[in-house]
């Protein structure tokens, strides 16, 4: 079982507009609402890939009830902690004419120390039965990176690996707690290492520096250009075939799900990056965030090029 943590879950609302205009009344062509937040995108993709998934984190209010019912309908086990307040909504507007996306992200409710204690208690109850943990996204107002530290230490005591996917100052703080794997983008790895990345050699040196800080797997996602992964088994580059991308929102989360599934199955690093890249690319082919067709993933798998580079 994969255990996912989504501290700041959301209802993801996607609006499709024919020609989005700022400062005007816009009528949408279609709209859809799904359970979201980075960790729930991971949960959905891992479930489609065939994994058993339990999701935990914080929920609140009517929006929280919608999120829980939605993921349960997808076959994801819900073990969320309920808080006062209302779970947030995040809005994505797709402009068909200009092929652009605009996002509005609500901050969500506030939590306190007691809420963090309750999540830690729930996590401690669940972590022993999982194969791997993913911790994704932001922490609600009132919380701190100390929450992620406590969860990672609990996982470490149980001998469980943690994949951490967050950003900014929270990522910078949390790498000191030595997660098993992180997945920074190019800007983030430059922030973490304090060095400019202009070549693949720079990238590998930066990843090596993070290994020395106790992080065993570093994945640098480069969008359509694929990904580079540095690990104890060596460094690898994955390239994906050209696809007709429909919605790239959540593709990074789908990649995280692929790594979680691969490591859960005991695959070698090179095969994990192949699986993760195929799931991420398949997700980009669908309008729904964090969703893909298994047949698309299976068709892409043999077309993912993985080369050892160090």
C-alpha atoms as a PDB file:
ATOM      1  CA  UNK A   1       0.000   0.000   0.000  1.00  0.00           C
ATOM      2  CA  UNK A   2       1.188   3.519  -0.864  1.00  0.00           C
ATOM      3  CA  UNK A   3       0.468   6.107   1.835  1.00  0.00           C
ATOM      4  CA  UNK A   4       0.006   9.653   0.535  1.00  0.00           C
ATOM      5  CA  UNK A   5      -0.052  12.841   2.605  1.00  0.00           C
ATOM      6  CA  UNK A   6      -1.970  15.883   1.337  1.00  0.00           C
ATOM      7  CA  UNK A   7      -1.925  18.524   4.050  1.00  0.00           C
ATOM      8  CA  UNK A   8      -3.633  21.129   1.863  1.00  0.00           C
ATOM      9  CA  UNK A   9      -6.199  19.220  -0.210  1.00  0.00           C
ATOM     10  CA  UNK A  10      -8.500  21.129  -2.568  1.00  0.00           C
ATOM     11  CA  UNK A  11     -11.358  20.929  -4.993  1.00  0.00           C
ATOM     12  CA  UNK A  12      -9.733  21.478  -8.380  1.00  0.00           C
ATOM     13  CA  UNK A  13     -12.066  23.305 -10.755  1.00  0.00           C
ATOM     14  CA  UNK A  14     -11.128  23.487 -14.424  1.00  0.00           C
ATOM     15  CA  UNK A  15     -12.884  25.980 -16.697  1.00  0.00           C
ATOM     16  CA  UNK A  16     -12.518  25.861 -20.481  1.00  0.00           C
ATOM     17  CA  UNK A  17     -13.030  29.272 -22.138  1.00  0.00           C
ATOM     18  CA  UNK A  18     -13.006  29.893 -25.873  1.00  0.00           C
ATOM     19  CA  UNK A  19     -11.156  33.200 -25.514  1.00  0.00           C
ATOM     20  CA  UNK A  20     -10.394  34.245 -21.920  1.00  0.00           C
ATOM     21  CA  UNK A  21     -10.421  38.013 -21.443  1.00  0.00           C
ATOM     22  CA  UNK A  22      -9.144  39.749 -18.287  1.00  0.00           C
ATOM     23  CA  UNK A  23     -11.528  42.404 -16.968  1.00  0.00           C
ATOM     24  CA  UNK A  24     -14.516  41.058 -18.901  1.00  0.00           C
ATOM     25  CA  UNK A  25     -17.400  38.665 -18.355  1.00  0.00           C
ATOM     26  CA  UNK A  26     -16.289  35.216 -19.541  1.00  0.00           C
ATOM     27  CA  UNK A  27     -18.722  32.394 -20.213  1.00  0.00           C
ATOM     28  CA  UNK A  28     -17.106  28.989 -19.892  1.00  0.00           C
ATOM     29  CA  UNK A  29     -17.519  26.304 -22.518  1.00  0.00           C
ATOM     30  CA  UNK A  30     -17.225  23.461 -19.994  1.00  0.00           C
ATOM     31  CA  UNK A  31     -16.228  22.936 -16.382  1.00  0.00           C
ATOM     32  CA  UNK A  32     -15.218  20.025 -14.161  1.00  0.00           C
ATOM     33  CA  UNK A  33     -14.519  19.605 -10.455  1.00  0.00           C
ATOM     34  CA  UNK A  34     -12.257  16.922  -8.994  1.00  0.00           C
ATOM     35  CA  UNK A  35     -10.576  16.130  -5.681  1.00  0.00           C
ATOM     36  CA  UNK A  36      -7.171  17.768  -5.855  1.00  0.00           C
ATOM     37  CA  UNK A  37      -4.055  18.936  -4.145  1.00  0.00           C
ATOM     38  CA  UNK A  38      -0.720  17.449  -5.147  1.00  0.00           C
ATOM     39  CA  UNK A  39      -0.964  14.404  -2.894  1.00  0.00           C
ATOM     40  CA  UNK A  40      -4.422  13.455  -4.165  1.00  0.00           C
ATOM     41  CA  UNK A  41      -3.181  13.754  -7.746  1.00  0.00           C
ATOM     42  CA  UNK A  42      -0.465  11.277  -6.729  1.00  0.00           C
ATOM     43  CA  UNK A  43      -3.089   9.045  -5.110  1.00  0.00           C
ATOM     44  CA  UNK A  44      -5.271   8.977  -8.224  1.00  0.00           C
ATOM     45  CA  UNK A  45      -2.421   8.195 -10.612  1.00  0.00           C
ATOM     46  CA  UNK A  46      -0.992   5.470  -8.368  1.00  0.00           C
ATOM     47  CA  UNK A  47      -4.435   3.882  -8.078  1.00  0.00           C
ATOM     48  CA  UNK A  48      -4.897   3.838 -11.851  1.00  0.00           C
ATOM     49  CA  UNK A  49      -1.439   2.270 -12.155  1.00  0.00           C
ATOM     50  CA  UNK A  50      -2.734  -0.629 -10.064  1.00  0.00           C
ATOM     51  CA  UNK A  51      -1.527   0.230  -6.565  1.00  0.00           C
ATOM     52  CA  UNK A  52      -3.504   0.140  -3.315  1.00  0.00           C
ATOM     53  CA  UNK A  53      -3.541   3.699  -1.945  1.00  0.00           C
ATOM     54  CA  UNK A  54      -4.438   5.237   1.410  1.00  0.00           C
ATOM     55  CA  UNK A  55      -4.647   9.021   1.588  1.00  0.00           C
ATOM     56  CA  UNK A  56      -4.316  11.166   4.709  1.00  0.00           C
ATOM     57  CA  UNK A  57      -3.989  14.862   5.497  1.00  0.00           C
ATOM     58  CA  UNK A  58      -6.456  17.565   6.514  1.00  0.00           C
ATOM     59  CA  UNK A  59     -10.037  18.162   5.320  1.00  0.00           C
ATOM     60  CA  UNK A  60     -12.801  20.509   6.423  1.00  0.00           C
ATOM     61  CA  UNK A  61     -16.383  21.512   5.730  1.00  0.00           C
ATOM     62  CA  UNK A  62     -18.646  20.726   2.775  1.00  0.00           C
ATOM     63  CA  UNK A  63     -15.702  20.936   0.387  1.00  0.00           C
ATOM     64  CA  UNK A  64     -13.897  18.340   2.475  1.00  0.00           C
ATOM     65  CA  UNK A  65     -16.915  16.025   2.249  1.00  0.00           C
ATOM     66  CA  UNK A  66     -16.891  16.396  -1.548  1.00  0.00           C
ATOM     67  CA  UNK A  67     -13.177  15.558  -1.657  1.00  0.00           C
ATOM     68  CA  UNK A  68     -13.552  12.487   0.556  1.00  0.00           C
ATOM     69  CA  UNK A  69     -16.545  11.126  -1.363  1.00  0.00           C
ATOM     70  CA  UNK A  70     -14.741  11.722  -4.653  1.00  0.00           C
ATOM     71  CA  UNK A  71     -11.585   9.814  -3.743  1.00  0.00           C
ATOM     72  CA  UNK A  72     -13.564   6.987  -2.161  1.00  0.00           C
ATOM     73  CA  UNK A  73     -15.470   6.604  -5.446  1.00  0.00           C
ATOM     74  CA  UNK A  74     -12.059   6.146  -7.120  1.00  0.00           C
ATOM     75  CA  UNK A  75     -11.146   3.319  -4.740  1.00  0.00           C
ATOM     76  CA  UNK A  76      -8.743   5.374  -2.608  1.00  0.00           C
ATOM     77  CA  UNK A  77      -8.912   4.722   1.128  1.00  0.00           C
ATOM     78  CA  UNK A  78      -9.577   7.946   3.064  1.00  0.00           C
ATOM     79  CA  UNK A  79      -7.891   8.451   6.431  1.00  0.00           C
ATOM     80  CA  UNK A  80      -8.071  12.234   6.665  1.00  0.00           C
ATOM     81  CA  UNK A  81      -8.112  14.298   9.829  1.00  0.00           C
ATOM     82  CA  UNK A  82     -11.061  16.714  10.003  1.00  0.00           C
ATOM     83  CA  UNK A  83     -10.522  20.347  10.974  1.00  0.00           C
ATOM     84  CA  UNK A  84     -12.743  23.366  11.462  1.00  0.00           C
ATOM     85  CA  UNK A  85     -12.998  25.558   8.388  1.00  0.00           C
ATOM     86  CA  UNK A  86     -13.526  24.801   4.721  1.00  0.00           C
ATOM     87  CA  UNK A  87     -11.143  22.974   2.388  1.00  0.00           C
ATOM     88  CA  UNK A  88      -9.955  25.253  -0.375  1.00  0.00           C
ATOM     89  CA  UNK A  89     -10.739  25.386  -4.092  1.00  0.00           C
ATOM     90  CA  UNK A  90      -8.201  25.903  -6.857  1.00  0.00           C
ATOM     91  CA  UNK A  91      -9.335  27.199 -10.244  1.00  0.00           C
ATOM     92  CA  UNK A  92      -7.621  26.518 -13.558  1.00  0.00           C
ATOM     93  CA  UNK A  93      -8.791  28.408 -16.659  1.00  0.00           C
ATOM     94  CA  UNK A  94      -7.846  26.954 -20.037  1.00  0.00           C
ATOM     95  CA  UNK A  95      -7.985  29.479 -22.870  1.00  0.00           C
ATOM     96  CA  UNK A  96      -8.597  27.562 -26.099  1.00  0.00           C
ATOM     97  CA  UNK A  97      -7.793  30.477 -28.396  1.00  0.00           C
ATOM     98  CA  UNK A  98      -4.421  31.348 -26.876  1.00  0.00           C
ATOM     99  CA  UNK A  99      -3.514  27.890 -25.520  1.00  0.00           C
ATOM    100  CA  UNK A 100      -2.752  29.323 -22.072  1.00  0.00           C
ATOM    101  CA  UNK A 101      -3.621  28.335 -18.524  1.00  0.00           C
ATOM    102  CA  UNK A 102      -4.397  30.698 -15.650  1.00  0.00           C
ATOM    103  CA  UNK A 103      -4.577  29.420 -12.076  1.00  0.00           C
ATOM    104  CA  UNK A 104      -6.123  30.814  -8.897  1.00  0.00           C
ATOM    105  CA  UNK A 105      -5.071  28.995  -5.714  1.00  0.00           C
ATOM    106  CA  UNK A 106      -6.988  29.641  -2.484  1.00  0.00           C
ATOM    107  CA  UNK A 107      -4.945  29.603   0.735  1.00  0.00           C
ATOM    108  CA  UNK A 108      -7.308  27.211   2.556  1.00  0.00           C
ATOM    109  CA  UNK A 109      -8.153  27.006   6.260  1.00  0.00           C
ATOM    110  CA  UNK A 110      -5.800  27.415   9.209  1.00  0.00           C
ATOM    111  CA  UNK A 111      -4.548  24.601  11.427  1.00  0.00           C
ATOM    112  CA  UNK A 112      -3.024  24.600  14.900  1.00  0.00           C
ATOM    113  CA  UNK A 113      -0.662  22.468  16.949  1.00  0.00           C
ATOM    114  CA  UNK A 114      -3.469  20.184  18.065  1.00  0.00           C
ATOM    115  CA  UNK A 115      -4.426  19.495  14.442  1.00  0.00           C
ATOM    116  CA  UNK A 116      -0.807  18.601  13.630  1.00  0.00           C
ATOM    117  CA  UNK A 117      -0.701  16.280  16.635  1.00  0.00           C
ATOM    118  CA  UNK A 118      -3.828  14.500  15.402  1.00  0.00           C
ATOM    119  CA  UNK A 119      -2.394  14.041  11.911  1.00  0.00           C
ATOM    120  CA  UNK A 120       0.858  12.692  13.343  1.00  0.00           C
ATOM    121  CA  UNK A 121      -1.136  10.213  15.441  1.00  0.00           C
ATOM    122  CA  UNK A 122      -3.154   9.091  12.407  1.00  0.00           C
ATOM    123  CA  UNK A 123       0.023   8.798  10.330  1.00  0.00           C
ATOM    124  CA  UNK A 124       1.747   6.704  13.009  1.00  0.00           C
ATOM    125  CA  UNK A 125      -1.212   4.325  12.925  1.00  0.00           C
ATOM    126  CA  UNK A 126      -1.007   3.932   9.137  1.00  0.00           C
ATOM    127  CA  UNK A 127       2.680   4.044   8.239  1.00  0.00           C
ATOM    128  CA  UNK A 128       3.576   0.560   9.441  1.00  0.00           C
ATOM    129  CA  UNK A 129       1.279  -1.005   6.849  1.00  0.00           C
ATOM    130  CA  UNK A 130       2.566   0.859   3.805  1.00  0.00           C
ATOM    131  CA  UNK A 131       5.366   0.134   1.338  1.00  0.00           C
ATOM    132  CA  UNK A 132       6.312   3.778   0.700  1.00  0.00           C
ATOM    133  CA  UNK A 133       5.147   7.277   1.703  1.00  0.00           C
ATOM    134  CA  UNK A 134       4.629  10.359  -0.457  1.00  0.00           C
ATOM    135  CA  UNK A 135       4.370  13.815   1.121  1.00  0.00           C
ATOM    136  CA  UNK A 136       3.235  16.448  -1.348  1.00  0.00           C
ATOM    137  CA  UNK A 137       2.427  20.110  -1.524  1.00  0.00           C
ATOM    138  CA  UNK A 138       2.015  22.934   0.945  1.00  0.00           C
ATOM    139  CA  UNK A 139       1.003  23.075   4.600  1.00  0.00           C
ATOM    140  CA  UNK A 140      -2.074  25.106   5.628  1.00  0.00           C
ATOM    141  CA  UNK A 141      -1.679  28.439   7.393  1.00  0.00           C
ATOM    142  CA  UNK A 142      -0.793  27.945  11.043  1.00  0.00           C
ATOM    143  CA  UNK A 143       1.290  24.848  10.363  1.00  0.00           C
ATOM    144  CA  UNK A 144       5.030  24.600   9.796  1.00  0.00           C
ATOM    145  CA  UNK A 145       7.675  22.399   8.223  1.00  0.00           C
ATOM    146  CA  UNK A 146       8.010  20.735  11.608  1.00  0.00           C
ATOM    147  CA  UNK A 147       4.902  18.716  10.672  1.00  0.00           C
ATOM    148  CA  UNK A 148       6.736  17.126   7.741  1.00  0.00           C
ATOM    149  CA  UNK A 149       9.779  16.534   9.951  1.00  0.00           C
ATOM    150  CA  UNK A 150       7.664  14.595  12.435  1.00  0.00           C
ATOM    151  CA  UNK A 151       6.061  12.499   9.694  1.00  0.00           C
ATOM    152  CA  UNK A 152       9.411  11.705   8.067  1.00  0.00           C
ATOM    153  CA  UNK A 153      10.952  10.729  11.384  1.00  0.00           C
ATOM    154  CA  UNK A 154       7.989   8.447  12.078  1.00  0.00           C
ATOM    155  CA  UNK A 155       8.404   6.812   8.663  1.00  0.00           C
ATOM    156  CA  UNK A 156      12.141   6.392   9.226  1.00  0.00           C
ATOM    157  CA  UNK A 157      11.531   4.642  12.565  1.00  0.00           C
ATOM    158  CA  UNK A 158       9.338   2.143  10.709  1.00  0.00           C
ATOM    159  CA  UNK A 159      11.915   1.660   7.955  1.00  0.00           C
ATOM    160  CA  UNK A 160       9.706   3.323   5.317  1.00  0.00           C
ATOM    161  CA  UNK A 161      11.017   5.475   2.478  1.00  0.00           C
ATOM    162  CA  UNK A 162       9.560   8.962   1.916  1.00  0.00           C
ATOM    163  CA  UNK A 163       9.200  10.735  -1.420  1.00  0.00           C
ATOM    164  CA  UNK A 164       8.934  14.482  -0.745  1.00  0.00           C
ATOM    165  CA  UNK A 165       7.481  16.821  -3.368  1.00  0.00           C
ATOM    166  CA  UNK A 166       7.084  20.371  -2.149  1.00  0.00           C
ATOM    167  CA  UNK A 167       8.603  23.695  -3.133  1.00  0.00           C
ATOM    168  CA  UNK A 168      10.188  26.962  -2.072  1.00  0.00           C
ATOM    169  CA  UNK A 169      11.287  27.576   1.502  1.00  0.00           C
ATOM    170  CA  UNK A 170       9.394  24.498   2.697  1.00  0.00           C
ATOM    171  CA  UNK A 171      11.460  22.269   0.391  1.00  0.00           C
ATOM    172  CA  UNK A 172      14.648  24.005   1.516  1.00  0.00           C
ATOM    173  CA  UNK A 173      13.769  23.333   5.163  1.00  0.00           C
ATOM    174  CA  UNK A 174      12.564  19.769   4.660  1.00  0.00           C
ATOM    175  CA  UNK A 175      15.590  18.400   2.807  1.00  0.00           C
ATOM    176  CA  UNK A 176      17.464  18.720   6.106  1.00  0.00           C
ATOM    177  CA  UNK A 177      15.193  15.894   7.339  1.00  0.00           C
ATOM    178  CA  UNK A 178      16.660  13.584   4.658  1.00  0.00           C
ATOM    179  CA  UNK A 179      13.733  12.246   2.631  1.00  0.00           C
ATOM    180  CA  UNK A 180      14.510   9.227   0.446  1.00  0.00           C
ATOM    181  CA  UNK A 181      13.665  11.104  -2.771  1.00  0.00           C
ATOM    182  CA  UNK A 182      12.981  14.664  -3.886  1.00  0.00           C
ATOM    183  CA  UNK A 183      11.820  15.939  -7.277  1.00  0.00           C
ATOM    184  CA  UNK A 184      12.902  19.575  -7.723  1.00  0.00           C
ATOM    185  CA  UNK A 185      12.591  21.495 -10.974  1.00  0.00           C
ATOM    186  CA  UNK A 186      15.511  23.419 -12.443  1.00  0.00           C
ATOM    187  CA  UNK A 187      14.828  26.608 -10.473  1.00  0.00           C
ATOM    188  CA  UNK A 188      14.497  24.674  -7.213  1.00  0.00           C
ATOM    189  CA  UNK A 189      17.716  22.690  -7.595  1.00  0.00           C
ATOM    190  CA  UNK A 190      19.569  25.956  -8.242  1.00  0.00           C
ATOM    191  CA  UNK A 191      18.006  27.383  -5.074  1.00  0.00           C
ATOM    192  CA  UNK A 192      18.916  24.306  -3.035  1.00  0.00           C
ATOM    193  CA  UNK A 193      22.519  24.148  -4.207  1.00  0.00           C
ATOM    194  CA  UNK A 194      23.276  27.835  -4.744  1.00  0.00           C
ATOM    195  CA  UNK A 195      24.755  27.151  -8.156  1.00  0.00           C
ATOM    196  CA  UNK A 196      23.727  28.016 -11.697  1.00  0.00           C
ATOM    197  CA  UNK A 197      22.829  24.993 -13.826  1.00  0.00           C
ATOM    198  CA  UNK A 198      23.858  25.420 -17.457  1.00  0.00           C
ATOM    199  CA  UNK A 199      24.834  21.874 -18.437  1.00  0.00           C
ATOM    200  CA  UNK A 200      24.045  18.263 -17.632  1.00  0.00           C
ATOM    201  CA  UNK A 201      27.353  18.037 -15.775  1.00  0.00           C
ATOM    202  CA  UNK A 202      26.249  20.950 -13.553  1.00  0.00           C
ATOM    203  CA  UNK A 203      23.015  19.089 -12.914  1.00  0.00           C
ATOM    204  CA  UNK A 204      24.808  15.901 -11.855  1.00  0.00           C
ATOM    205  CA  UNK A 205      27.204  17.815  -9.589  1.00  0.00           C
ATOM    206  CA  UNK A 206      24.247  19.539  -7.940  1.00  0.00           C
ATOM    207  CA  UNK A 207      22.525  16.194  -7.417  1.00  0.00           C
ATOM    208  CA  UNK A 208      25.717  14.736  -5.938  1.00  0.00           C
ATOM    209  CA  UNK A 209      25.786  17.555  -3.417  1.00  0.00           C
ATOM    210  CA  UNK A 210      22.254  16.659  -2.352  1.00  0.00           C
ATOM    211  CA  UNK A 211      23.266  12.980  -1.990  1.00  0.00           C
ATOM    212  CA  UNK A 212      25.957  14.069   0.442  1.00  0.00           C
ATOM    213  CA  UNK A 213      23.182  15.671   2.496  1.00  0.00           C
ATOM    214  CA  UNK A 214      21.479  12.291   2.863  1.00  0.00           C
ATOM    215  CA  UNK A 215      18.992  12.280  -0.034  1.00  0.00           C
ATOM    216  CA  UNK A 216      19.396   9.005  -1.896  1.00  0.00           C
ATOM    217  CA  UNK A 217      17.389   9.761  -5.051  1.00  0.00           C
ATOM    218  CA  UNK A 218      17.199  13.141  -6.793  1.00  0.00           C
ATOM    219  CA  UNK A 219      14.871  13.518  -9.771  1.00  0.00           C
ATOM    220  CA  UNK A 220      15.048  16.696 -11.837  1.00  0.00           C
ATOM    221  CA  UNK A 221      11.979  17.064 -14.017  1.00  0.00           C
ATOM    222  CA  UNK A 222      12.482  19.030 -17.228  1.00  0.00           C
ATOM    223  CA  UNK A 223       8.953  18.897 -18.613  1.00  0.00           C
ATOM    224  CA  UNK A 224       8.766  17.910 -22.261  1.00  0.00           C
ATOM    225  CA  UNK A 225      12.542  17.336 -22.264  1.00  0.00           C
ATOM    226  CA  UNK A 226      12.148  14.412 -19.859  1.00  0.00           C
ATOM    227  CA  UNK A 227      13.930  13.928 -16.565  1.00  0.00           C
ATOM    228  CA  UNK A 228      17.330  13.259 -15.043  1.00  0.00           C
ATOM    229  CA  UNK A 229      17.648  11.006 -12.011  1.00  0.00           C
ATOM    230  CA  UNK A 230      20.709  10.625  -9.820  1.00  0.00           C
ATOM    231  CA  UNK A 231      20.897   7.755  -7.355  1.00  0.00           C
ATOM    232  CA  UNK A 232      23.103   5.170  -5.692  1.00  0.00           C
ATOM    233  CA  UNK A 233      22.496   2.947  -8.747  1.00  0.00           C
ATOM    234  CA  UNK A 234      23.871   5.614 -11.082  1.00  0.00           C
ATOM    235  CA  UNK A 235      22.547   8.585 -13.014  1.00  0.00           C
ATOM    236  CA  UNK A 236      19.988   8.200 -15.807  1.00  0.00           C
ATOM    237  CA  UNK A 237      18.263  10.383 -18.346  1.00  0.00           C
ATOM    238  CA  UNK A 238      14.781   9.647 -19.617  1.00  0.00           C
ATOM    239  CA  UNK A 239      13.313  11.080 -22.803  1.00  0.00           C
ATOM    240  CA  UNK A 240       9.663  10.833 -23.739  1.00  0.00           C
ATOM    241  CA  UNK A 241       8.270  10.615 -27.292  1.00  0.00           C
ATOM    242  CA  UNK A 242       6.429  13.566 -28.771  1.00  0.00           C
ATOM    243  CA  UNK A 243       2.781  13.514 -27.691  1.00  0.00           C
ATOM    244  CA  UNK A 244      -0.285  15.683 -28.165  1.00  0.00           C
ATOM    245  CA  UNK A 245      -0.437  17.319 -24.735  1.00  0.00           C
ATOM    246  CA  UNK A 246      -3.922  18.356 -23.604  1.00  0.00           C
ATOM    247  CA  UNK A 247      -3.371  19.287 -19.938  1.00  0.00           C
ATOM    248  CA  UNK A 248       0.026  19.338 -18.254  1.00  0.00           C
ATOM    249  CA  UNK A 249      -1.326  20.351 -14.813  1.00  0.00           C
ATOM    250  CA  UNK A 250      -0.560  17.547 -12.371  1.00  0.00           C
ATOM    251  CA  UNK A 251       1.912  15.741 -14.645  1.00  0.00           C
ATOM    252  CA  UNK A 252       4.640  16.174 -12.027  1.00  0.00           C
ATOM    253  CA  UNK A 253       2.360  14.543  -9.471  1.00  0.00           C
ATOM    254  CA  UNK A 254       1.744  11.679 -11.885  1.00  0.00           C
ATOM    255  CA  UNK A 255       5.511  11.271 -12.167  1.00  0.00           C
ATOM    256  CA  UNK A 256       5.752  11.093  -8.367  1.00  0.00           C
ATOM    257  CA  UNK A 257       3.065   8.388  -8.421  1.00  0.00           C
ATOM    258  CA  UNK A 258       5.078   6.436 -10.975  1.00  0.00           C
ATOM    259  CA  UNK A 259       8.163   6.493  -8.780  1.00  0.00           C
ATOM    260  CA  UNK A 260       6.125   5.485  -5.733  1.00  0.00           C
ATOM    261  CA  UNK A 261       4.624   2.570  -7.668  1.00  0.00           C
ATOM    262  CA  UNK A 262       8.011   1.529  -9.051  1.00  0.00           C
ATOM    263  CA  UNK A 263       9.809   1.588  -5.718  1.00  0.00           C
ATOM    264  CA  UNK A 264       6.837  -0.152  -4.080  1.00  0.00           C
ATOM    265  CA  UNK A 265       7.216  -2.972  -6.630  1.00  0.00           C
ATOM    266  CA  UNK A 266      10.956  -3.221  -6.046  1.00  0.00           C
ATOM    267  CA  UNK A 267      11.941  -2.008  -9.518  1.00  0.00           C
ATOM    268  CA  UNK A 268      15.441  -0.784 -10.298  1.00  0.00           C
ATOM    269  CA  UNK A 269      15.896   2.975 -10.591  1.00  0.00           C
ATOM    270  CA  UNK A 270      16.118   2.860 -14.399  1.00  0.00           C
ATOM    271  CA  UNK A 271      12.778   1.056 -14.589  1.00  0.00           C
ATOM    272  CA  UNK A 272      11.224   3.426 -12.047  1.00  0.00           C
ATOM    273  CA  UNK A 273      12.059   6.422 -14.212  1.00  0.00           C
ATOM    274  CA  UNK A 274      10.665   4.629 -17.278  1.00  0.00           C
ATOM    275  CA  UNK A 275       7.371   3.915 -15.489  1.00  0.00           C
ATOM    276  CA  UNK A 276       7.170   7.411 -13.993  1.00  0.00           C
ATOM    277  CA  UNK A 277       7.843   9.072 -17.354  1.00  0.00           C
ATOM    278  CA  UNK A 278       5.204   6.960 -19.097  1.00  0.00           C
ATOM    279  CA  UNK A 279       2.564   7.788 -16.467  1.00  0.00           C
ATOM    280  CA  UNK A 280       3.435  11.491 -16.588  1.00  0.00           C
ATOM    281  CA  UNK A 281       3.220  11.612 -20.387  1.00  0.00           C
ATOM    282  CA  UNK A 282      -0.040   9.640 -20.411  1.00  0.00           C
ATOM    283  CA  UNK A 283      -1.493  12.142 -17.927  1.00  0.00           C
ATOM    284  CA  UNK A 284      -0.658  15.041 -20.247  1.00  0.00           C
ATOM    285  CA  UNK A 285      -2.843  13.401 -22.914  1.00  0.00           C
ATOM    286  CA  UNK A 286      -6.012  13.762 -20.798  1.00  0.00           C
ATOM    287  CA  UNK A 287      -8.034  16.820 -19.822  1.00  0.00           C
ATOM    288  CA  UNK A 288      -8.627  15.586 -16.248  1.00  0.00           C
ATOM    289  CA  UNK A 289      -5.861  16.466 -13.773  1.00  0.00           C
ATOM    290  CA  UNK A 290      -3.891  13.497 -12.440  1.00  0.00           C
ATOM    291  CA  UNK A 291      -5.788  11.057 -14.643  1.00  0.00           C
ATOM    292  CA  UNK A 292      -4.577   8.795 -17.429  1.00  0.00           C
ATOM    293  CA  UNK A 293      -5.648   5.746 -19.381  1.00  0.00           C
ATOM    294  CA  UNK A 294      -3.718   2.617 -18.527  1.00  0.00           C
ATOM    295  CA  UNK A 295      -3.560   1.659 -22.204  1.00  0.00           C
ATOM    296  CA  UNK A 296      -1.854   4.984 -22.987  1.00  0.00           C
ATOM    297  CA  UNK A 297       0.734   4.296 -20.277  1.00  0.00           C
ATOM    298  CA  UNK A 298       1.342   0.781 -21.595  1.00  0.00           C
ATOM    299  CA  UNK A 299       1.723   2.067 -25.157  1.00  0.00           C
ATOM    300  CA  UNK A 300       4.232   4.702 -24.042  1.00  0.00           C
ATOM    301  CA  UNK A 301       6.363   2.449 -21.809  1.00  0.00           C
ATOM    302  CA  UNK A 302       8.453   0.826 -24.581  1.00  0.00           C
ATOM    303  CA  UNK A 303       8.901   4.230 -26.245  1.00  0.00           C
ATOM    304  CA  UNK A 304      10.512   5.888 -23.211  1.00  0.00           C
ATOM    305  CA  UNK A 305      14.265   6.132 -23.793  1.00  0.00           C
ATOM    306  CA  UNK A 306      16.359   5.643 -20.648  1.00  0.00           C
ATOM    307  CA  UNK A 307      20.141   6.081 -20.842  1.00  0.00           C
ATOM    308  CA  UNK A 308      22.715   5.786 -18.083  1.00  0.00           C
ATOM    309  CA  UNK A 309      24.784   8.960 -18.031  1.00  0.00           C
ATOM    310  CA  UNK A 310      27.000   8.419 -14.982  1.00  0.00           C
END
